Amino acid sequence: MDFEWDSIFGFSMSPLELFVRGTIIYWFIFALLRLAGRRDFGAIGASDVLVMVLIADAAQNGMAAEYKTTLEGMVLIATIVFWSVFIDRLCYWVPAARNILEPQRVCLIKDGQIQRRGMRREHITHEELMGELRLKGVDDIKKVRRAYMEDAGDISVLLYQKDGQA
């Protein structure tokens, strides 16, 4: 029984080519998810979904010999994780990068008044907003001091205090 170690740990294509391919796919999917918005992700961020999908695909290809060797799959997975970590660190150390790479929160209710501009921006209907408020135990919009669509797609609600003051 002859075992070919090169078929497991060798490269059938350049590691640099794998890195470039992984980078192109990562940024393409990242941009698509960023443009698509965040409503459908709930508490899971778009970048979290992206990383999991890409890692799963890269790992599957490495395991199924689509790349010819497992080492190629490992390089592609490392590329995907690299970009995810890099973006997180960049946004932490360079606050200006957050405006481009991370969605900002959007005000949906201000001082008991619906902010139509924010709702249009996030494509939220009045019924959807009221449903979210009900899920949070709010039955009257006038009780809401602020409501925001957060960066991960969930809605946070800040209520007035019992005496009506902020």
N, C-alpha and C. Protein backbone atom coordinates (compact mmCIF):
# COMPACT_ATOMS: atom_id res chain seq x y z
N MET A 1 0.84 -1.18 0.00
CA MET A 1 0.00 0.00 0.00
C MET A 1 0.89 1.25 0.00
N ASP A 2 0.81 2.00 -1.07
CA ASP A 2 1.64 3.20 -1.21
C ASP A 2 0.81 4.43 -0.87
N PHE A 3 1.34 5.25 0.02
CA PHE A 3 0.63 6.46 0.48
C PHE A 3 1.36 7.68 -0.05
N GLU A 4 0.63 8.56 -0.74
CA GLU A 4 1.24 9.75 -1.32
C GLU A 4 1.01 10.97 -0.43
N TRP A 5 2.02 11.33 0.32
CA TRP A 5 1.91 12.47 1.24
C TRP A 5 1.74 13.79 0.48
N ASP A 6 2.29 13.88 -0.70
CA ASP A 6 2.15 15.11 -1.49
C ASP A 6 0.69 15.39 -1.86
N SER A 7 -0.12 14.35 -1.99
CA SER A 7 -1.52 14.57 -2.33
C SER A 7 -2.31 15.15 -1.15
N ILE A 8 -1.74 15.08 0.05
CA ILE A 8 -2.40 15.66 1.23
C ILE A 8 -1.79 17.01 1.59
N PHE A 9 -0.46 17.09 1.63
CA PHE A 9 0.21 18.29 2.14
C PHE A 9 0.91 19.14 1.09
N GLY A 10 0.86 18.74 -0.15
CA GLY A 10 1.50 19.53 -1.20
C GLY A 10 0.55 20.59 -1.74
N PHE A 11 1.02 21.33 -2.70
CA PHE A 11 0.21 22.35 -3.36
C PHE A 11 0.07 22.01 -4.84
N SER A 12 -1.15 22.11 -5.34
CA SER A 12 -1.35 21.95 -6.78
C SER A 12 -1.45 23.31 -7.45
N MET A 13 -1.57 24.37 -6.64
CA MET A 13 -1.55 25.74 -7.14
C MET A 13 -0.79 26.58 -6.12
N SER A 14 -0.39 27.73 -6.53
CA SER A 14 0.42 28.62 -5.70
C SER A 14 -0.36 29.08 -4.45
N PRO A 15 0.28 29.07 -3.27
CA PRO A 15 -0.39 29.61 -2.08
C PRO A 15 -0.79 31.08 -2.26
N LEU A 16 0.00 31.83 -3.01
CA LEU A 16 -0.35 33.23 -3.29
C LEU A 16 -1.64 33.30 -4.12
N GLU A 17 -1.79 32.40 -5.09
CA GLU A 17 -3.02 32.38 -5.88
C GLU A 17 -4.22 32.04 -4.99
N LEU A 18 -4.05 31.10 -4.06
CA LEU A 18 -5.13 30.77 -3.12
C LEU A 18 -5.50 31.98 -2.27
N PHE A 19 -4.49 32.72 -1.81
CA PHE A 19 -4.73 33.91 -1.00
C PHE A 19 -5.49 34.96 -1.81
N VAL A 20 -5.07 35.18 -3.04
CA VAL A 20 -5.73 36.17 -3.90
C VAL A 20 -7.17 35.74 -4.20
N ARG A 21 -7.38 34.46 -4.51
CA ARG A 21 -8.73 33.97 -4.77
C ARG A 21 -9.63 34.14 -3.54
N GLY A 22 -9.11 33.75 -2.38
CA GLY A 22 -9.87 33.90 -1.14
C GLY A 22 -10.20 35.35 -0.84
N THR A 23 -9.23 36.23 -1.09
CA THR A 23 -9.43 37.66 -0.85
C THR A 23 -10.51 38.23 -1.77
N ILE A 24 -10.45 37.87 -3.04
CA ILE A 24 -11.45 38.37 -3.99
C ILE A 24 -12.85 37.92 -3.59
N ILE A 25 -13.02 36.66 -3.27
CA ILE A 25 -14.33 36.14 -2.90
C ILE A 25 -14.81 36.77 -1.59
N TYR A 26 -13.91 36.89 -0.63
CA TYR A 26 -14.29 37.49 0.66
C TYR A 26 -14.84 38.90 0.45
N TRP A 27 -14.09 39.74 -0.25
CA TRP A 27 -14.51 41.14 -0.42
C TRP A 27 -15.74 41.27 -1.31
N PHE A 28 -15.90 40.38 -2.29
CA PHE A 28 -17.09 40.40 -3.12
C PHE A 28 -18.33 40.10 -2.29
N ILE A 29 -18.29 39.03 -1.51
CA ILE A 29 -19.44 38.67 -0.68
C ILE A 29 -19.65 39.70 0.43
N PHE A 30 -18.58 40.21 0.99
CA PHE A 30 -18.69 41.25 2.02
C PHE A 30 -19.44 42.46 1.47
N ALA A 31 -19.07 42.92 0.29
CA ALA A 31 -19.72 44.09 -0.32
C ALA A 31 -21.19 43.79 -0.63
N LEU A 32 -21.49 42.60 -1.13
CA LEU A 32 -22.88 42.26 -1.41
C LEU A 32 -23.72 42.26 -0.13
N LEU A 33 -23.21 41.66 0.94
CA LEU A 33 -23.95 41.64 2.19
C LEU A 33 -24.10 43.03 2.78
N ARG A 34 -23.09 43.86 2.62
CA ARG A 34 -23.15 45.24 3.13
C ARG A 34 -24.21 46.04 2.37
N LEU A 35 -24.30 45.84 1.06
CA LEU A 35 -25.29 46.54 0.25
C LEU A 35 -26.70 46.01 0.49
N ALA A 36 -26.81 44.73 0.80
CA ALA A 36 -28.12 44.11 0.98
C ALA A 36 -28.81 44.58 2.25
N GLY A 37 -28.08 45.11 3.18
CA GLY A 37 -28.69 45.57 4.43
C GLY A 37 -28.53 44.53 5.52
N ARG A 38 -29.17 44.80 6.65
CA ARG A 38 -28.92 43.96 7.81
C ARG A 38 -30.17 43.40 8.45
N ARG A 39 -31.33 43.69 7.92
CA ARG A 39 -32.57 43.27 8.56
C ARG A 39 -32.71 41.77 8.70
N ASP A 40 -32.24 41.02 7.75
CA ASP A 40 -32.47 39.58 7.76
C ASP A 40 -31.50 38.81 8.64
N PHE A 41 -30.56 39.46 9.24
CA PHE A 41 -29.57 38.74 10.01
C PHE A 41 -29.86 38.71 11.50
N GLY A 42 -30.73 39.57 11.99
CA GLY A 42 -31.05 39.57 13.42
C GLY A 42 -29.83 39.89 14.25
N ALA A 43 -29.54 39.07 15.24
CA ALA A 43 -28.43 39.33 16.14
C ALA A 43 -27.10 38.82 15.60
N ILE A 44 -27.12 38.18 14.44
CA ILE A 44 -25.89 37.69 13.83
C ILE A 44 -25.46 38.71 12.80
N GLY A 45 -24.24 39.19 12.93
CA GLY A 45 -23.74 40.18 11.99
C GLY A 45 -23.48 39.60 10.62
N ALA A 46 -23.54 40.44 9.61
CA ALA A 46 -23.31 39.99 8.24
C ALA A 46 -21.93 39.38 8.08
N SER A 47 -20.93 39.97 8.72
CA SER A 47 -19.58 39.42 8.60
C SER A 47 -19.48 38.05 9.25
N ASP A 48 -20.27 37.80 10.32
CA ASP A 48 -20.30 36.47 10.94
C ASP A 48 -20.85 35.44 9.97
N VAL A 49 -21.93 35.78 9.29
CA VAL A 49 -22.53 34.88 8.31
C VAL A 49 -21.54 34.61 7.19
N LEU A 50 -20.91 35.67 6.70
CA LEU A 50 -19.95 35.55 5.61
C LEU A 50 -18.82 34.60 5.98
N VAL A 51 -18.22 34.80 7.14
CA VAL A 51 -17.10 33.98 7.55
C VAL A 51 -17.51 32.51 7.67
N MET A 52 -18.65 32.25 8.26
CA MET A 52 -19.10 30.87 8.43
C MET A 52 -19.37 30.19 7.08
N VAL A 53 -20.00 30.90 6.17
CA VAL A 53 -20.29 30.32 4.85
C VAL A 53 -19.00 30.04 4.10
N LEU A 54 -18.09 31.00 4.10
CA LEU A 54 -16.84 30.81 3.36
C LEU A 54 -15.96 29.74 3.97
N ILE A 55 -15.87 29.70 5.29
CA ILE A 55 -15.07 28.66 5.94
C ILE A 55 -15.67 27.29 5.65
N ALA A 56 -16.99 27.20 5.74
CA ALA A 56 -17.64 25.91 5.45
C ALA A 56 -17.34 25.46 4.03
N ASP A 57 -17.44 26.38 3.08
CA ASP A 57 -17.18 26.01 1.70
C ASP A 57 -15.71 25.66 1.48
N ALA A 58 -14.83 26.46 2.05
CA ALA A 58 -13.40 26.20 1.88
C ALA A 58 -13.01 24.88 2.52
N ALA A 59 -13.55 24.62 3.69
CA ALA A 59 -13.25 23.36 4.38
C ALA A 59 -13.80 22.18 3.58
N GLN A 60 -15.00 22.33 3.05
CA GLN A 60 -15.61 21.26 2.26
C GLN A 60 -14.76 20.95 1.04
N ASN A 61 -14.33 21.99 0.36
CA ASN A 61 -13.50 21.78 -0.83
C ASN A 61 -12.18 21.10 -0.47
N GLY A 62 -11.59 21.49 0.66
CA GLY A 62 -10.35 20.88 1.11
C GLY A 62 -10.55 19.42 1.48
N MET A 63 -11.67 19.11 2.11
CA MET A 63 -11.95 17.73 2.52
C MET A 63 -12.33 16.86 1.33
N ALA A 64 -12.98 17.42 0.34
CA ALA A 64 -13.45 16.64 -0.80
C ALA A 64 -12.43 16.62 -1.94
N ALA A 65 -11.26 17.13 -1.70
CA ALA A 65 -10.16 17.13 -2.67
C ALA A 65 -10.44 18.02 -3.88
N GLU A 66 -11.30 19.02 -3.73
CA GLU A 66 -11.54 19.95 -4.82
C GLU A 66 -10.29 20.79 -5.11
N TYR A 67 -9.45 21.00 -4.09
CA TYR A 67 -8.22 21.77 -4.29
C TYR A 67 -7.03 20.88 -4.60
N LYS A 68 -7.21 19.61 -4.51
CA LYS A 68 -6.17 18.59 -4.71
C LYS A 68 -5.46 18.26 -3.39
N THR A 69 -5.24 19.24 -2.48
CA THR A 69 -4.58 18.93 -1.20
C THR A 69 -5.30 19.65 -0.06
N THR A 70 -5.15 19.10 1.13
CA THR A 70 -5.75 19.73 2.31
C THR A 70 -5.04 21.04 2.65
N LEU A 71 -3.76 21.12 2.36
CA LEU A 71 -3.00 22.33 2.66
C LEU A 71 -3.56 23.53 1.91
N GLU A 72 -4.04 23.32 0.68
CA GLU A 72 -4.64 24.42 -0.08
C GLU A 72 -5.93 24.89 0.59
N GLY A 73 -6.74 23.97 1.06
CA GLY A 73 -7.94 24.34 1.80
C GLY A 73 -7.59 25.10 3.06
N MET A 74 -6.52 24.69 3.73
CA MET A 74 -6.09 25.37 4.95
C MET A 74 -5.64 26.80 4.66
N VAL A 75 -4.94 27.00 3.55
CA VAL A 75 -4.51 28.35 3.17
C VAL A 75 -5.73 29.23 2.89
N LEU A 76 -6.72 28.69 2.19
CA LEU A 76 -7.93 29.46 1.88
C LEU A 76 -8.70 29.81 3.15
N ILE A 77 -8.85 28.86 4.06
CA ILE A 77 -9.52 29.13 5.34
C ILE A 77 -8.76 30.19 6.12
N ALA A 78 -7.44 30.08 6.16
CA ALA A 78 -6.63 31.08 6.87
C ALA A 78 -6.80 32.47 6.25
N THR A 79 -6.93 32.54 4.93
CA THR A 79 -7.16 33.81 4.25
C THR A 79 -8.47 34.43 4.69
N ILE A 80 -9.52 33.62 4.74
CA ILE A 80 -10.84 34.12 5.14
C ILE A 80 -10.82 34.61 6.58
N VAL A 81 -10.22 33.83 7.47
CA VAL A 81 -10.13 34.24 8.88
C VAL A 81 -9.28 35.49 9.00
N PHE A 82 -8.19 35.56 8.23
CA PHE A 82 -7.33 36.75 8.26
C PHE A 82 -8.13 38.01 7.97
N TRP A 83 -8.93 38.01 6.89
CA TRP A 83 -9.69 39.22 6.54
C TRP A 83 -10.72 39.56 7.60
N SER A 84 -11.35 38.57 8.17
CA SER A 84 -12.34 38.83 9.21
C SER A 84 -11.69 39.50 10.43
N VAL A 85 -10.57 38.94 10.87
CA VAL A 85 -9.85 39.51 12.02
C VAL A 85 -9.29 40.88 11.67
N PHE A 86 -8.76 41.02 10.47
CA PHE A 86 -8.19 42.30 10.04
C PHE A 86 -9.23 43.41 10.08
N ILE A 87 -10.43 43.14 9.55
CA ILE A 87 -11.49 44.15 9.55
C ILE A 87 -11.88 44.52 10.98
N ASP A 88 -12.03 43.53 11.86
CA ASP A 88 -12.37 43.82 13.25
C ASP A 88 -11.32 44.71 13.91
N ARG A 89 -10.05 44.36 13.72
CA ARG A 89 -8.96 45.14 14.33
C ARG A 89 -8.85 46.53 13.71
N LEU A 90 -9.02 46.61 12.41
CA LEU A 90 -8.95 47.90 11.73
C LEU A 90 -10.03 48.83 12.26
N CYS A 91 -11.25 48.33 12.39
CA CYS A 91 -12.36 49.16 12.89
C CYS A 91 -12.13 49.57 14.35
N TYR A 92 -11.44 48.74 15.10
CA TYR A 92 -11.14 49.09 16.49
C TYR A 92 -10.08 50.19 16.56
N TRP A 93 -9.00 50.04 15.78
CA TRP A 93 -7.89 50.98 15.86
C TRP A 93 -8.07 52.22 15.00
N VAL A 94 -8.90 52.14 13.94
CA VAL A 94 -9.12 53.27 13.05
C VAL A 94 -10.63 53.53 13.00
N PRO A 95 -11.13 54.37 13.91
CA PRO A 95 -12.58 54.61 13.98
C PRO A 95 -13.20 55.08 12.65
N ALA A 96 -12.45 55.79 11.83
CA ALA A 96 -12.99 56.26 10.55
C ALA A 96 -13.34 55.08 9.63
N ALA A 97 -12.68 53.95 9.80
CA ALA A 97 -12.96 52.77 8.98
C ALA A 97 -14.33 52.18 9.28
N ARG A 98 -14.84 52.43 10.48
CA ARG A 98 -16.16 51.90 10.87
C ARG A 98 -17.26 52.42 9.96
N ASN A 99 -17.15 53.67 9.52
CA ASN A 99 -18.19 54.25 8.66
C ASN A 99 -18.31 53.51 7.33
N ILE A 100 -17.22 52.94 6.86
CA ILE A 100 -17.22 52.24 5.59
C ILE A 100 -17.48 50.75 5.77
N LEU A 101 -16.85 50.15 6.75
CA LEU A 101 -16.86 48.69 6.89
C LEU A 101 -17.96 48.14 7.80
N GLU A 102 -18.50 48.96 8.68
CA GLU A 102 -19.55 48.50 9.59
C GLU A 102 -20.76 49.41 9.46
N PRO A 103 -21.95 48.81 9.42
CA PRO A 103 -23.14 49.65 9.35
C PRO A 103 -23.33 50.42 10.66
N GLN A 104 -23.83 51.63 10.55
CA GLN A 104 -24.09 52.45 11.73
C GLN A 104 -25.53 52.24 12.19
N ARG A 105 -25.77 52.51 13.45
CA ARG A 105 -27.15 52.41 13.92
C ARG A 105 -27.99 53.52 13.28
N VAL A 106 -29.28 53.22 13.11
CA VAL A 106 -30.19 54.16 12.47
C VAL A 106 -31.35 54.41 13.42
N CYS A 107 -31.66 55.68 13.65
CA CYS A 107 -32.75 56.05 14.54
C CYS A 107 -34.09 55.82 13.83
N LEU A 108 -34.97 55.03 14.48
CA LEU A 108 -36.30 54.74 13.94
C LEU A 108 -37.40 55.50 14.67
N ILE A 109 -37.18 55.76 15.96
CA ILE A 109 -38.14 56.54 16.76
C ILE A 109 -37.34 57.52 17.60
N LYS A 110 -37.79 58.77 17.60
CA LYS A 110 -37.15 59.81 18.41
C LYS A 110 -38.24 60.56 19.14
N ASP A 111 -38.17 60.55 20.47
CA ASP A 111 -39.13 61.24 21.32
C ASP A 111 -40.58 60.90 20.97
N GLY A 112 -40.84 59.61 20.80
CA GLY A 112 -42.20 59.15 20.53
C GLY A 112 -42.68 59.37 19.11
N GLN A 113 -41.82 59.84 18.23
CA GLN A 113 -42.18 60.12 16.84
C GLN A 113 -41.40 59.19 15.91
N ILE A 114 -42.11 58.59 14.97
CA ILE A 114 -41.45 57.72 13.99
C ILE A 114 -40.58 58.56 13.08
N GLN A 115 -39.39 58.07 12.84
CA GLN A 115 -38.45 58.74 11.94
C GLN A 115 -38.52 58.05 10.57
N ARG A 116 -39.34 58.59 9.70
CA ARG A 116 -39.62 57.97 8.40
C ARG A 116 -38.35 57.80 7.55
N ARG A 117 -37.45 58.74 7.67
CA ARG A 117 -36.21 58.66 6.89
C ARG A 117 -35.42 57.40 7.26
N GLY A 118 -35.30 57.14 8.55
CA GLY A 118 -34.60 55.94 9.00
C GLY A 118 -35.32 54.67 8.59
N MET A 119 -36.64 54.70 8.65
CA MET A 119 -37.42 53.52 8.25
C MET A 119 -37.28 53.26 6.75
N ARG A 120 -37.29 54.31 5.95
CA ARG A 120 -37.09 54.14 4.50
C ARG A 120 -35.70 53.59 4.22
N ARG A 121 -34.72 54.13 4.93
CA ARG A 121 -33.33 53.69 4.72
C ARG A 121 -33.17 52.20 4.98
N GLU A 122 -33.87 51.70 6.00
CA GLU A 122 -33.75 50.28 6.35
C GLU A 122 -34.88 49.43 5.79
N HIS A 123 -35.77 50.04 5.02
CA HIS A 123 -36.90 49.33 4.40
C HIS A 123 -37.77 48.61 5.43
N ILE A 124 -38.12 49.34 6.48
CA ILE A 124 -38.97 48.80 7.55
C ILE A 124 -40.34 49.44 7.44
N THR A 125 -41.37 48.61 7.45
CA THR A 125 -42.73 49.13 7.40
C THR A 125 -43.18 49.50 8.82
N HIS A 126 -44.24 50.29 8.89
CA HIS A 126 -44.81 50.67 10.18
C HIS A 126 -45.24 49.42 10.95
N GLU A 127 -45.84 48.46 10.26
CA GLU A 127 -46.30 47.22 10.90
C GLU A 127 -45.14 46.42 11.48
N GLU A 128 -44.03 46.36 10.74
CA GLU A 128 -42.85 45.63 11.24
C GLU A 128 -42.29 46.30 12.49
N LEU A 129 -42.21 47.63 12.46
CA LEU A 129 -41.71 48.36 13.62
C LEU A 129 -42.61 48.14 14.83
N MET A 130 -43.92 48.24 14.62
CA MET A 130 -44.84 48.05 15.74
C MET A 130 -44.75 46.61 16.27
N GLY A 131 -44.55 45.65 15.39
CA GLY A 131 -44.37 44.26 15.82
C GLY A 131 -43.13 44.10 16.70
N GLU A 132 -42.06 44.76 16.32
CA GLU A 132 -40.83 44.71 17.13
C GLU A 132 -41.04 45.36 18.50
N LEU A 133 -41.78 46.47 18.52
CA LEU A 133 -42.07 47.13 19.80
C LEU A 133 -42.91 46.21 20.69
N ARG A 134 -43.90 45.56 20.12
CA ARG A 134 -44.74 44.64 20.90
C ARG A 134 -43.91 43.49 21.47
N LEU A 135 -42.98 42.99 20.68
CA LEU A 135 -42.10 41.91 21.17
C LEU A 135 -41.27 42.37 22.36
N LYS A 136 -41.03 43.66 22.45
CA LYS A 136 -40.26 44.20 23.57
C LYS A 136 -41.17 44.70 24.69
N GLY A 137 -42.47 44.44 24.57
CA GLY A 137 -43.41 44.81 25.61
C GLY A 137 -43.88 46.25 25.58
N VAL A 138 -43.71 46.91 24.44
CA VAL A 138 -44.12 48.31 24.32
C VAL A 138 -45.43 48.36 23.52
N ASP A 139 -46.47 48.93 24.14
CA ASP A 139 -47.76 48.99 23.48
C ASP A 139 -48.13 50.38 22.95
N ASP A 140 -47.32 51.40 23.30
CA ASP A 140 -47.62 52.76 22.87
C ASP A 140 -46.31 53.43 22.44
N ILE A 141 -46.28 53.91 21.21
CA ILE A 141 -45.07 54.52 20.66
C ILE A 141 -44.66 55.78 21.44
N LYS A 142 -45.60 56.41 22.10
CA LYS A 142 -45.31 57.63 22.87
C LYS A 142 -44.43 57.32 24.09
N LYS A 143 -44.34 56.06 24.49
CA LYS A 143 -43.50 55.66 25.62
C LYS A 143 -42.03 55.52 25.22
N VAL A 144 -41.77 55.56 23.91
CA VAL A 144 -40.42 55.31 23.40
C VAL A 144 -39.65 56.62 23.25
N ARG A 145 -38.53 56.69 23.97
CA ARG A 145 -37.65 57.85 23.84
C ARG A 145 -36.82 57.73 22.57
N ARG A 146 -36.23 56.54 22.35
CA ARG A 146 -35.45 56.26 21.15
C ARG A 146 -35.60 54.78 20.80
N ALA A 147 -35.61 54.49 19.50
CA ALA A 147 -35.52 53.12 19.00
C ALA A 147 -34.54 53.15 17.83
N TYR A 148 -33.62 52.21 17.84
CA TYR A 148 -32.57 52.17 16.83
C TYR A 148 -32.52 50.81 16.15
N MET A 149 -32.21 50.81 14.86
CA MET A 149 -31.80 49.60 14.16
C MET A 149 -30.29 49.53 14.41
N GLU A 150 -29.87 48.51 15.12
CA GLU A 150 -28.46 48.36 15.47
C GLU A 150 -27.68 47.75 14.32
N ASP A 151 -26.36 47.76 14.45
CA ASP A 151 -25.51 47.31 13.36
C ASP A 151 -25.71 45.84 12.99
N ALA A 152 -26.15 45.01 13.93
CA ALA A 152 -26.37 43.59 13.63
C ALA A 152 -27.77 43.31 13.09
N GLY A 153 -28.64 44.33 13.04
CA GLY A 153 -29.96 44.15 12.48
C GLY A 153 -31.08 44.07 13.50
N ASP A 154 -30.75 44.02 14.78
CA ASP A 154 -31.79 43.99 15.80
C ASP A 154 -32.19 45.42 16.17
N ILE A 155 -33.37 45.56 16.80
CA ILE A 155 -33.88 46.87 17.16
C ILE A 155 -33.79 47.03 18.67
N SER A 156 -33.15 48.11 19.11
CA SER A 156 -33.07 48.42 20.53
C SER A 156 -34.06 49.55 20.84
N VAL A 157 -34.64 49.49 22.03
CA VAL A 157 -35.68 50.45 22.42
C VAL A 157 -35.31 51.05 23.77
N LEU A 158 -35.31 52.38 23.84
CA LEU A 158 -35.10 53.10 25.09
C LEU A 158 -36.40 53.80 25.44
N LEU A 159 -36.92 53.50 26.62
CA LEU A 159 -38.21 54.06 27.04
C LEU A 159 -38.01 55.26 27.94
N TYR A 160 -39.06 56.09 28.01
CA TYR A 160 -39.07 57.16 28.99
C TYR A 160 -39.19 56.54 30.38
N GLN A 161 -38.71 57.26 31.37
CA GLN A 161 -38.91 56.82 32.76
C GLN A 161 -40.38 56.96 33.12
N LYS A 162 -40.79 56.40 34.23
CA LYS A 162 -42.22 56.42 34.64
C LYS A 162 -42.78 57.82 34.74
N ASP A 163 -41.98 58.80 35.17
CA ASP A 163 -42.50 60.16 35.33
C ASP A 163 -42.53 60.95 34.02
N GLY A 164 -42.21 60.27 32.90
CA GLY A 164 -42.28 60.93 31.60
C GLY A 164 -40.99 61.61 31.20
N GLN A 165 -39.99 61.58 32.05
CA GLN A 165 -38.71 62.24 31.76
C GLN A 165 -37.74 61.25 31.13
N ALA A 166 -36.82 61.77 30.39
CA ALA A 166 -35.79 60.93 29.77
C ALA A 166 -34.83 60.53 30.83
